[in-house]
C-alpha atoms as a PDB file:
ATOM      1  CA  MET A   1     -23.820 -25.739  44.413  1.00  0.00           C
ATOM      2  CA  ILE A   2     -21.411 -28.605  45.005  1.00  0.00           C
ATOM      3  CA  LYS A   3     -22.262 -30.094  41.586  1.00  0.00           C
ATOM      4  CA  LEU A   4     -21.539 -26.747  39.903  1.00  0.00           C
ATOM      5  CA  THR A   5     -18.206 -26.407  41.721  1.00  0.00           C
ATOM      6  CA  ARG A   6     -17.259 -29.979  40.817  1.00  0.00           C
ATOM      7  CA  ALA A   7     -18.146 -29.353  37.139  1.00  0.00           C
ATOM      8  CA  LEU A   8     -16.056 -26.176  37.116  1.00  0.00           C
ATOM      9  CA  LEU A   9     -13.103 -27.988  38.667  1.00  0.00           C
ATOM     10  CA  LEU A  10     -13.368 -30.800  36.098  1.00  0.00           C
ATOM     11  CA  ALA A  11     -13.551 -28.262  33.254  1.00  0.00           C
ATOM     12  CA  ALA A  12     -10.527 -26.397  34.621  1.00  0.00           C
ATOM     13  CA  ALA A  13      -8.585 -29.655  34.944  1.00  0.00           C
ATOM     14  CA  ALA A  14      -9.467 -30.665  31.387  1.00  0.00           C
ATOM     15  CA  ALA A  15      -8.417 -27.242  30.073  1.00  0.00           C
ATOM     16  CA  ALA A  16      -5.141 -27.432  31.977  1.00  0.00           C
ATOM     17  CA  THR A  17      -4.510 -30.898  30.542  1.00  0.00           C
ATOM     18  CA  PHE A  18      -5.197 -29.999  26.886  1.00  0.00           C
ATOM     19  CA  ALA A  19      -3.979 -26.393  26.817  1.00  0.00           C
ATOM     20  CA  PRO A  20      -0.255 -27.218  26.540  1.00  0.00           C
ATOM     21  CA  ALA A  21      -0.995 -29.612  23.670  1.00  0.00           C
ATOM     22  CA  LEU A  22      -2.998 -26.933  21.839  1.00  0.00           C
ATOM     23  CA  VAL A  23      -0.281 -24.332  22.375  1.00  0.00           C
ATOM     24  CA  ALA A  24       2.410 -26.744  21.170  1.00  0.00           C
ATOM     25  CA  GLN A  25       0.358 -27.557  18.089  1.00  0.00           C
ATOM     26  CA  ALA A  26      -0.197 -23.849  17.363  1.00  0.00           C
ATOM     27  CA  GLN A  27       3.539 -23.166  17.715  1.00  0.00           C
ATOM     28  CA  GLU A  28       4.290 -25.845  15.130  1.00  0.00           C
ATOM     29  CA  LEU A  29       2.149 -24.107  12.508  1.00  0.00           C
ATOM     30  CA  LYS A  30       4.455 -22.428   9.986  1.00  0.00           C
ATOM     31  CA  ILE A  31       2.908 -19.415   8.260  1.00  0.00           C
ATOM     32  CA  GLY A  32       4.385 -17.183   5.587  1.00  0.00           C
ATOM     33  CA  TYR A  33       3.203 -13.973   3.953  1.00  0.00           C
ATOM     34  CA  VAL A  34       4.053 -12.605   0.497  1.00  0.00           C
ATOM     35  CA  ASN A  35       3.388  -8.958  -0.377  1.00  0.00           C
ATOM     36  CA  SER A  36       2.057  -9.319  -3.936  1.00  0.00           C
ATOM     37  CA  GLU A  37       2.337  -5.621  -4.762  1.00  0.00           C
ATOM     38  CA  ARG A  38       5.988  -5.547  -3.765  1.00  0.00           C
ATOM     39  CA  LEU A  39       6.634  -8.761  -5.657  1.00  0.00           C
ATOM     40  CA  LEU A  40       5.114  -7.316  -8.856  1.00  0.00           C
ATOM     41  CA  ARG A  41       7.070  -4.095  -8.391  1.00  0.00           C
ATOM     42  CA  GLU A  42      10.520  -5.490  -7.515  1.00  0.00           C
ATOM     43  CA  ALA A  43      10.889  -8.952  -9.070  1.00  0.00           C
ATOM     44  CA  ALA A  44      13.029  -9.219 -12.201  1.00  0.00           C
ATOM     45  CA  PRO A  45      10.319 -10.980 -14.261  1.00  0.00           C
ATOM     46  CA  ALA A  46       7.874  -8.152 -13.483  1.00  0.00           C
ATOM     47  CA  LYS A  47      10.458  -5.538 -14.464  1.00  0.00           C
ATOM     48  CA  ALA A  48      11.221  -7.465 -17.661  1.00  0.00           C
ATOM     49  CA  ALA A  49       7.510  -7.572 -18.501  1.00  0.00           C
ATOM     50  CA  GLN A  50       7.280  -3.803 -18.004  1.00  0.00           C
ATOM     51  CA  THR A  51      10.285  -3.286 -20.289  1.00  0.00           C
ATOM     52  CA  ARG A  52       8.697  -5.500 -22.960  1.00  0.00           C
ATOM     53  CA  LEU A  53       5.480  -3.484 -22.772  1.00  0.00           C
ATOM     54  CA  GLU A  54       7.342  -0.194 -23.039  1.00  0.00           C
ATOM     55  CA  GLY A  55       9.222  -1.478 -26.074  1.00  0.00           C
ATOM     56  CA  GLU A  56       6.098  -2.823 -27.678  1.00  0.00           C
ATOM     57  CA  PHE A  57       3.891   0.213 -27.066  1.00  0.00           C
ATOM     58  CA  GLY A  58       6.357   3.090 -26.784  1.00  0.00           C
ATOM     59  CA  LYS A  59       6.377   3.963 -30.487  1.00  0.00           C
ATOM     60  CA  ARG A  60       2.579   3.908 -30.729  1.00  0.00           C
ATOM     61  CA  GLU A  61       2.287   6.105 -27.661  1.00  0.00           C
ATOM     62  CA  LYS A  62       4.767   8.598 -29.125  1.00  0.00           C
ATOM     63  CA  ASP A  63       2.932   8.601 -32.466  1.00  0.00           C
ATOM     64  CA  LEU A  64      -0.346   9.348 -30.683  1.00  0.00           C
ATOM     65  CA  ALA A  65       1.254  12.179 -28.711  1.00  0.00           C
ATOM     66  CA  ASP A  66       2.718  13.619 -31.928  1.00  0.00           C
ATOM     67  CA  GLN A  67      -0.628  13.365 -33.697  1.00  0.00           C
ATOM     68  CA  GLY A  68      -2.301  15.114 -30.747  1.00  0.00           C
ATOM     69  CA  ALA A  69       0.285  17.914 -30.860  1.00  0.00           C
ATOM     70  CA  ARG A  70      -0.250  18.363 -34.614  1.00  0.00           C
ATOM     71  CA  LEU A  71      -4.014  18.484 -34.109  1.00  0.00           C
ATOM     72  CA  LYS A  72      -3.669  21.073 -31.366  1.00  0.00           C
ATOM     73  CA  ALA A  73      -1.348  23.189 -33.531  1.00  0.00           C
ATOM     74  CA  ALA A  74      -3.804  22.991 -36.445  1.00  0.00           C
ATOM     75  CA  ALA A  75      -6.681  24.027 -34.162  1.00  0.00           C
ATOM     76  CA  GLU A  76      -4.684  26.997 -32.865  1.00  0.00           C
ATOM     77  CA  LYS A  77      -3.788  27.988 -36.426  1.00  0.00           C
ATOM     78  CA  LEU A  78      -7.441  27.831 -37.457  1.00  0.00           C
ATOM     79  CA  GLU A  79      -8.438  29.931 -34.464  1.00  0.00           C
ATOM     80  CA  LYS A  80      -5.786  32.481 -35.332  1.00  0.00           C
ATOM     81  CA  ASP A  81      -6.477  32.521 -39.108  1.00  0.00           C
ATOM     82  CA  GLY A  82     -10.232  31.976 -38.843  1.00  0.00           C
ATOM     83  CA  PRO A  83     -11.357  35.617 -39.042  1.00  0.00           C
ATOM     84  CA  THR A  84      -9.403  36.174 -42.265  1.00  0.00           C
ATOM     85  CA  LEU A  85     -10.523  32.964 -44.035  1.00  0.00           C
ATOM     86  CA  ALA A  86     -13.466  32.653 -46.352  1.00  0.00           C
ATOM     87  CA  GLU A  87     -16.494  31.017 -44.709  1.00  0.00           C
ATOM     88  CA  SER A  88     -16.259  27.898 -46.908  1.00  0.00           C
ATOM     89  CA  GLU A  89     -12.536  27.470 -46.182  1.00  0.00           C
ATOM     90  CA  ARG A  90     -13.063  27.938 -42.434  1.00  0.00           C
ATOM     91  CA  MET A  91     -15.890  25.347 -42.422  1.00  0.00           C
ATOM     92  CA  ARG A  92     -13.772  22.886 -44.443  1.00  0.00           C
ATOM     93  CA  ARG A  93     -10.874  23.188 -41.972  1.00  0.00           C
ATOM     94  CA  GLN A  94     -13.218  22.801 -38.995  1.00  0.00           C
ATOM     95  CA  ARG A  95     -14.648  19.593 -40.498  1.00  0.00           C
ATOM     96  CA  GLU A  96     -11.110  18.299 -41.077  1.00  0.00           C
ATOM     97  CA  LEU A  97     -10.182  19.067 -37.472  1.00  0.00           C
ATOM     98  CA  VAL A  98     -13.291  17.314 -36.161  1.00  0.00           C
ATOM     99  CA  GLU A  99     -12.522  14.284 -38.325  1.00  0.00           C
ATOM    100  CA  GLN A 100      -8.870  14.249 -37.214  1.00  0.00           C
ATOM    101  CA  ASP A 101      -9.926  14.540 -33.561  1.00  0.00           C
ATOM    102  CA  ARG A 102     -12.401  11.661 -33.967  1.00  0.00           C
ATOM    103  CA  ASP A 103      -9.648   9.560 -35.578  1.00  0.00           C
ATOM    104  CA  LEU A 104      -7.199  10.413 -32.785  1.00  0.00           C
ATOM    105  CA  GLN A 105      -9.736   9.507 -30.077  1.00  0.00           C
ATOM    106  CA  ARG A 106     -10.428   6.165 -31.794  1.00  0.00           C
ATOM    107  CA  LYS A 107      -6.695   5.411 -32.011  1.00  0.00           C
ATOM    108  CA  ARG A 108      -6.228   6.319 -28.334  1.00  0.00           C
ATOM    109  CA  ARG A 109      -9.063   3.978 -27.306  1.00  0.00           C
ATOM    110  CA  GLU A 110      -7.584   1.152 -29.385  1.00  0.00           C
ATOM    111  CA  PHE A 111      -4.172   1.838 -27.889  1.00  0.00           C
ATOM    112  CA  GLN A 112      -5.544   1.734 -24.332  1.00  0.00           C
ATOM    113  CA  GLU A 113      -7.440  -1.495 -25.020  1.00  0.00           C
ATOM    114  CA  ASP A 114      -4.407  -3.168 -26.597  1.00  0.00           C
ATOM    115  CA  LEU A 115      -2.138  -1.996 -23.788  1.00  0.00           C
ATOM    116  CA  ALA A 116      -4.556  -3.210 -21.099  1.00  0.00           C
ATOM    117  CA  GLN A 117      -4.845  -6.612 -22.761  1.00  0.00           C
ATOM    118  CA  ARG A 118      -1.067  -7.013 -23.052  1.00  0.00           C
ATOM    119  CA  LYS A 119      -0.542  -5.830 -19.469  1.00  0.00           C
ATOM    120  CA  ASN A 120      -2.984  -8.479 -18.288  1.00  0.00           C
ATOM    121  CA  GLU A 121      -1.207 -11.154 -20.330  1.00  0.00           C
ATOM    122  CA  GLU A 122       2.211 -10.171 -18.984  1.00  0.00           C
ATOM    123  CA  LEU A 123       0.885  -9.866 -15.426  1.00  0.00           C
ATOM    124  CA  GLN A 124      -0.714 -13.288 -15.631  1.00  0.00           C
ATOM    125  CA  GLY A 125       2.597 -14.808 -16.732  1.00  0.00           C
ATOM    126  CA  VAL A 126       4.467 -13.179 -13.840  1.00  0.00           C
ATOM    127  CA  ILE A 127       1.795 -14.280 -11.350  1.00  0.00           C
ATOM    128  CA  GLU A 128       1.927 -17.877 -12.591  1.00  0.00           C
ATOM    129  CA  ARG A 129       5.726 -17.953 -12.238  1.00  0.00           C
ATOM    130  CA  ALA A 130       5.545 -16.354  -8.795  1.00  0.00           C
ATOM    131  CA  ASN A 131       2.937 -18.877  -7.633  1.00  0.00           C
ATOM    132  CA  ARG A 132       5.147 -21.769  -8.797  1.00  0.00           C
ATOM    133  CA  VAL A 133       8.090 -20.323  -6.856  1.00  0.00           C
ATOM    134  CA  ILE A 134       5.898 -19.753  -3.779  1.00  0.00           C
ATOM    135  CA  ARG A 135       4.733 -23.379  -3.917  1.00  0.00           C
ATOM    136  CA  GLN A 136       8.357 -24.582  -4.236  1.00  0.00           C
ATOM    137  CA  VAL A 137       9.454 -22.530  -1.231  1.00  0.00           C
ATOM    138  CA  ALA A 138       6.426 -23.725   0.743  1.00  0.00           C
ATOM    139  CA  GLU A 139       7.229 -27.364   0.010  1.00  0.00           C
ATOM    140  CA  GLN A 140      10.986 -27.056   0.564  1.00  0.00           C
ATOM    141  CA  GLU A 141      10.688 -25.154   3.835  1.00  0.00           C
ATOM    142  CA  LYS A 142       7.584 -26.995   5.060  1.00  0.00           C
ATOM    143  CA  TYR A 143       5.196 -24.043   5.347  1.00  0.00           C
ATOM    144  CA  ASP A 144       1.655 -24.948   6.371  1.00  0.00           C
ATOM    145  CA  VAL A 145       0.171 -21.870   4.714  1.00  0.00           C
ATOM    146  CA  ILE A 146       1.407 -18.859   2.756  1.00  0.00           C
ATOM    147  CA  LEU A 147      -0.877 -15.854   2.520  1.00  0.00           C
ATOM    148  CA  GLN A 148      -0.777 -13.233  -0.208  1.00  0.00           C
ATOM    149  CA  GLU A 149      -3.252 -10.796   1.263  1.00  0.00           C
ATOM    150  CA  ALA A 150      -3.371  -9.745   4.868  1.00  0.00           C
ATOM    151  CA  ILE A 151      -4.414  -6.721   6.807  1.00  0.00           C
ATOM    152  CA  TYR A 152      -1.310  -7.127   8.908  1.00  0.00           C
ATOM    153  CA  ALA A 153       1.697  -9.412   8.641  1.00  0.00           C
ATOM    154  CA  GLY A 154       4.682  -9.117  10.938  1.00  0.00           C
ATOM    155  CA  ALA A 155       8.260  -9.214   9.724  1.00  0.00           C
ATOM    156  CA  ARG A 156       8.668 -12.697  11.216  1.00  0.00           C
ATOM    157  CA  VAL A 157       6.238 -14.228   8.685  1.00  0.00           C
ATOM    158  CA  ASP A 158       6.974 -11.920   5.708  1.00  0.00           C
ATOM    159  CA  ILE A 159       8.867 -14.022   3.156  1.00  0.00           C
ATOM    160  CA  THR A 160       8.485 -11.600   0.237  1.00  0.00           C
ATOM    161  CA  GLU A 161      12.223 -10.958  -0.067  1.00  0.00           C
ATOM    162  CA  LYS A 162      12.934 -14.699  -0.141  1.00  0.00           C
ATOM    163  CA  ILE A 163      10.336 -15.186  -2.902  1.00  0.00           C
ATOM    164  CA  ILE A 164      11.709 -12.250  -4.941  1.00  0.00           C
ATOM    165  CA  LYS A 165      15.228 -13.697  -4.727  1.00  0.00           C
ATOM    166  CA  ALA A 166      13.996 -17.167  -5.716  1.00  0.00           C
ATOM    167  CA  LEU A 167      11.944 -15.727  -8.568  1.00  0.00           C
ATOM    168  CA  ASN A 168      14.890 -13.657  -9.802  1.00  0.00           C
ATOM    169  CA  SER A 169      17.164 -16.706  -9.826  1.00  0.00           C
ATOM    170  CA  ALA A 170      14.604 -19.064 -11.397  1.00  0.00           C
ATOM    171  CA  PRO A 171      15.004 -19.742 -15.132  1.00  0.00           C
ATOM    172  CA  ALA A 172      12.486 -17.842 -17.291  1.00  0.00           C
ATOM    173  CA  GLY A 173      10.802 -20.967 -18.638  1.00  0.00           C
ATOM    174  CA  ARG A 174       9.941 -22.434 -15.249  1.00  0.00           C
END
């Protein structure tokens, strides 16, 4: 029993000796958090990328919408005129509508694929720039770690606004 008590007292003394050092070391750790979603929503380079995409794909999207509206109008006209048309004429128009619909669906798929690819390219460029800025801030302000995903991050460690400002003021080529 005396040996157990002595061991407990030695362990408690050792913990009391090292605990302040561990706490001091933990307090020196500088952690930052960046909300990636907010960064990609609010930073000027992300907004510029979105504007470029809209400019690049806006006309195609409008053309597809117009083609869809024309196809719908033609289908409604066929439905309305169908009973009065000759069988051969009605069948010819139905085949044309099916072919036009197939063409429109193909163009929509191509549009979606092209848009997705360009979005990924633009997003990758913004992410690379943001990561460079995050590294610069980390080095300049001596952060030990900066997290981009967290279940919870308090306002004290959230440096998203600082990164957005730095990213907005950084030259585009950097």
